Amino acid sequence: MNLDEKIEELREILRRDRGDLEVVDFKDGILKIRLLGMCTKCPFSQITLSEVIKKKLKEVPEVKEIEVV
């Protein structure tokens, strides 16, 4: 699965709870993302970030590091 497909998969998961994410930048293996919608206020967003988002994005070989901006 490529990065675009993985991002869409994650967006579908987050949208179930009225959240979303966007890619801000991807350069030299560093992926910068922004959480949107309910993800910005959710007390579980850090758990979702570490246990779901980062794990799934690290499955993409080109992604070396993930930063939330």
N, C-alpha and C. Protein backbone atom coordinates (compact mmCIF):
# COMPACT_ATOMS: atom_id res chain seq x y z
N MET A 1 0.85 -1.18 0.00
CA MET A 1 0.00 0.00 0.00
C MET A 1 0.90 1.24 0.00
N ASN A 2 0.59 2.20 -0.87
CA ASN A 2 1.40 3.41 -0.91
C ASN A 2 0.90 4.44 0.11
N LEU A 3 1.61 5.55 0.20
CA LEU A 3 1.30 6.56 1.21
C LEU A 3 -0.10 7.13 1.02
N ASP A 4 -0.47 7.46 -0.20
CA ASP A 4 -1.80 8.04 -0.44
C ASP A 4 -2.91 7.08 -0.02
N GLU A 5 -2.75 5.81 -0.31
CA GLU A 5 -3.75 4.82 0.08
C GLU A 5 -3.82 4.68 1.60
N LYS A 6 -2.67 4.71 2.25
CA LYS A 6 -2.63 4.59 3.71
C LYS A 6 -3.28 5.81 4.36
N ILE A 7 -3.03 7.00 3.81
CA ILE A 7 -3.65 8.22 4.34
C ILE A 7 -5.17 8.13 4.20
N GLU A 8 -5.65 7.68 3.07
CA GLU A 8 -7.10 7.55 2.87
C GLU A 8 -7.70 6.54 3.84
N GLU A 9 -7.00 5.44 4.07
CA GLU A 9 -7.47 4.44 5.04
C GLU A 9 -7.59 5.07 6.43
N LEU A 10 -6.60 5.84 6.83
CA LEU A 10 -6.64 6.49 8.14
C LEU A 10 -7.73 7.55 8.21
N ARG A 11 -7.90 8.30 7.15
CA ARG A 11 -8.94 9.33 7.14
C ARG A 11 -10.32 8.71 7.31
N GLU A 12 -10.55 7.57 6.69
CA GLU A 12 -11.84 6.88 6.84
C GLU A 12 -12.06 6.46 8.29
N ILE A 13 -11.02 5.98 8.94
CA ILE A 13 -11.12 5.58 10.35
C ILE A 13 -11.44 6.79 11.21
N LEU A 14 -10.72 7.89 11.02
CA LEU A 14 -10.91 9.09 11.84
C LEU A 14 -12.27 9.74 11.59
N ARG A 15 -12.75 9.69 10.37
CA ARG A 15 -14.04 10.31 10.04
C ARG A 15 -15.21 9.63 10.73
N ARG A 16 -15.05 8.40 11.13
CA ARG A 16 -16.13 7.70 11.86
C ARG A 16 -16.47 8.43 13.15
N ASP A 17 -15.47 9.11 13.72
CA ASP A 17 -15.68 9.87 14.95
C ASP A 17 -15.58 11.37 14.71
N ARG A 18 -15.87 11.78 13.47
CA ARG A 18 -15.87 13.19 13.06
C ARG A 18 -14.50 13.85 13.16
N GLY A 19 -13.46 13.06 13.01
CA GLY A 19 -12.10 13.58 12.95
C GLY A 19 -11.57 13.49 11.54
N ASP A 20 -10.34 13.92 11.36
CA ASP A 20 -9.70 13.84 10.05
C ASP A 20 -8.23 14.16 10.24
N LEU A 21 -7.48 14.01 9.16
CA LEU A 21 -6.09 14.44 9.17
C LEU A 21 -5.73 14.93 7.79
N GLU A 22 -4.72 15.78 7.73
CA GLU A 22 -4.22 16.25 6.45
C GLU A 22 -2.71 16.14 6.44
N VAL A 23 -2.18 15.92 5.26
CA VAL A 23 -0.73 15.90 5.08
C VAL A 23 -0.30 17.34 4.84
N VAL A 24 0.59 17.83 5.68
CA VAL A 24 1.11 19.18 5.55
C VAL A 24 2.33 19.19 4.63
N ASP A 25 3.19 18.18 4.80
CA ASP A 25 4.41 18.11 4.00
C ASP A 25 4.98 16.69 4.08
N PHE A 26 5.66 16.30 3.03
CA PHE A 26 6.38 15.03 3.03
C PHE A 26 7.66 15.23 2.25
N LYS A 27 8.77 15.21 2.97
CA LYS A 27 10.07 15.47 2.35
C LYS A 27 11.14 14.70 3.09
N ASP A 28 12.02 14.05 2.34
CA ASP A 28 13.16 13.32 2.91
C ASP A 28 12.72 12.29 3.96
N GLY A 29 11.58 11.67 3.74
CA GLY A 29 11.10 10.64 4.65
C GLY A 29 10.37 11.15 5.87
N ILE A 30 10.28 12.48 6.01
CA ILE A 30 9.59 13.08 7.16
C ILE A 30 8.19 13.50 6.72
N LEU A 31 7.20 12.88 7.34
CA LEU A 31 5.81 13.16 7.03
C LEU A 31 5.24 14.07 8.12
N LYS A 32 4.77 15.23 7.73
CA LYS A 32 4.15 16.17 8.67
C LYS A 32 2.65 16.13 8.44
N ILE A 33 1.92 15.85 9.52
CA ILE A 33 0.46 15.77 9.44
C ILE A 33 -0.18 16.71 10.45
N ARG A 34 -1.45 17.01 10.20
CA ARG A 34 -2.23 17.84 11.12
C ARG A 34 -3.53 17.10 11.39
N LEU A 35 -3.88 16.98 12.66
CA LEU A 35 -5.16 16.39 13.03
C LEU A 35 -6.23 17.45 12.93
N LEU A 36 -7.41 17.06 12.46
CA LEU A 36 -8.50 18.00 12.23
C LEU A 36 -9.79 17.51 12.89
N GLY A 37 -10.78 18.39 12.88
CA GLY A 37 -12.10 18.03 13.39
C GLY A 37 -12.06 17.69 14.87
N MET A 38 -12.82 16.68 15.24
CA MET A 38 -12.91 16.28 16.64
C MET A 38 -11.59 15.76 17.19
N CYS A 39 -10.67 15.38 16.31
CA CYS A 39 -9.36 14.90 16.78
C CYS A 39 -8.59 15.99 17.53
N THR A 40 -8.90 17.24 17.25
CA THR A 40 -8.18 18.33 17.91
C THR A 40 -8.61 18.50 19.36
N LYS A 41 -9.81 18.01 19.70
CA LYS A 41 -10.35 18.19 21.06
C LYS A 41 -10.48 16.88 21.84
N CYS A 42 -10.26 15.79 21.16
CA CYS A 42 -10.49 14.48 21.77
C CYS A 42 -9.41 14.14 22.80
N PRO A 43 -9.81 13.70 23.99
CA PRO A 43 -8.82 13.32 25.00
C PRO A 43 -8.05 12.06 24.62
N PHE A 44 -8.55 11.32 23.65
CA PHE A 44 -7.88 10.09 23.23
C PHE A 44 -7.01 10.29 21.98
N SER A 45 -6.86 11.52 21.54
CA SER A 45 -6.14 11.76 20.28
C SER A 45 -4.68 11.31 20.36
N GLN A 46 -4.04 11.43 21.51
CA GLN A 46 -2.65 10.99 21.62
C GLN A 46 -2.54 9.47 21.52
N ILE A 47 -3.52 8.78 22.07
CA ILE A 47 -3.53 7.32 21.96
C ILE A 47 -3.79 6.92 20.51
N THR A 48 -4.74 7.58 19.88
CA THR A 48 -5.03 7.31 18.47
C THR A 48 -3.80 7.59 17.62
N LEU A 49 -3.11 8.67 17.93
CA LEU A 49 -1.92 9.03 17.18
C LEU A 49 -0.84 7.97 17.29
N SER A 50 -0.55 7.54 18.51
CA SER A 50 0.55 6.59 18.69
C SER A 50 0.16 5.15 18.34
N GLU A 51 -1.05 4.75 18.66
CA GLU A 51 -1.44 3.35 18.48
C GLU A 51 -2.07 3.05 17.13
N VAL A 52 -2.58 4.04 16.45
CA VAL A 52 -3.23 3.79 15.16
C VAL A 52 -2.49 4.51 14.03
N ILE A 53 -2.45 5.82 14.10
CA ILE A 53 -1.92 6.61 12.99
C ILE A 53 -0.46 6.31 12.73
N LYS A 54 0.38 6.45 13.74
CA LYS A 54 1.82 6.24 13.53
C LYS A 54 2.14 4.81 13.15
N LYS A 55 1.47 3.85 13.76
CA LYS A 55 1.73 2.44 13.42
C LYS A 55 1.40 2.16 11.96
N LYS A 56 0.26 2.66 11.50
CA LYS A 56 -0.14 2.41 10.12
C LYS A 56 0.76 3.14 9.13
N LEU A 57 1.15 4.37 9.45
CA LEU A 57 2.00 5.12 8.53
C LEU A 57 3.40 4.54 8.45
N LYS A 58 3.86 3.93 9.52
CA LYS A 58 5.20 3.32 9.50
C LYS A 58 5.24 2.05 8.65
N GLU A 59 4.08 1.57 8.23
CA GLU A 59 4.02 0.44 7.31
C GLU A 59 4.45 0.85 5.90
N VAL A 60 4.47 2.15 5.63
CA VAL A 60 4.88 2.67 4.33
C VAL A 60 6.40 2.86 4.37
N PRO A 61 7.14 2.14 3.55
CA PRO A 61 8.61 2.16 3.62
C PRO A 61 9.24 3.55 3.47
N GLU A 62 8.62 4.43 2.70
CA GLU A 62 9.19 5.76 2.48
C GLU A 62 9.10 6.66 3.71
N VAL A 63 8.21 6.34 4.63
CA VAL A 63 8.01 7.17 5.82
C VAL A 63 9.00 6.76 6.90
N LYS A 64 9.89 7.68 7.24
CA LYS A 64 10.91 7.42 8.26
C LYS A 64 10.54 8.05 9.60
N GLU A 65 9.83 9.17 9.54
CA GLU A 65 9.48 9.90 10.75
C GLU A 65 8.14 10.58 10.53
N ILE A 66 7.36 10.71 11.62
CA ILE A 66 6.05 11.36 11.55
C ILE A 66 6.02 12.47 12.58
N GLU A 67 5.65 13.65 12.12
CA GLU A 67 5.52 14.81 13.01
C GLU A 67 4.11 15.35 12.92
N VAL A 68 3.56 15.72 14.06
CA VAL A 68 2.25 16.37 14.08
C VAL A 68 2.50 17.86 14.25
N VAL A 69 1.92 18.63 13.36
CA VAL A 69 2.12 20.09 13.41
C VAL A 69 0.81 20.80 13.69
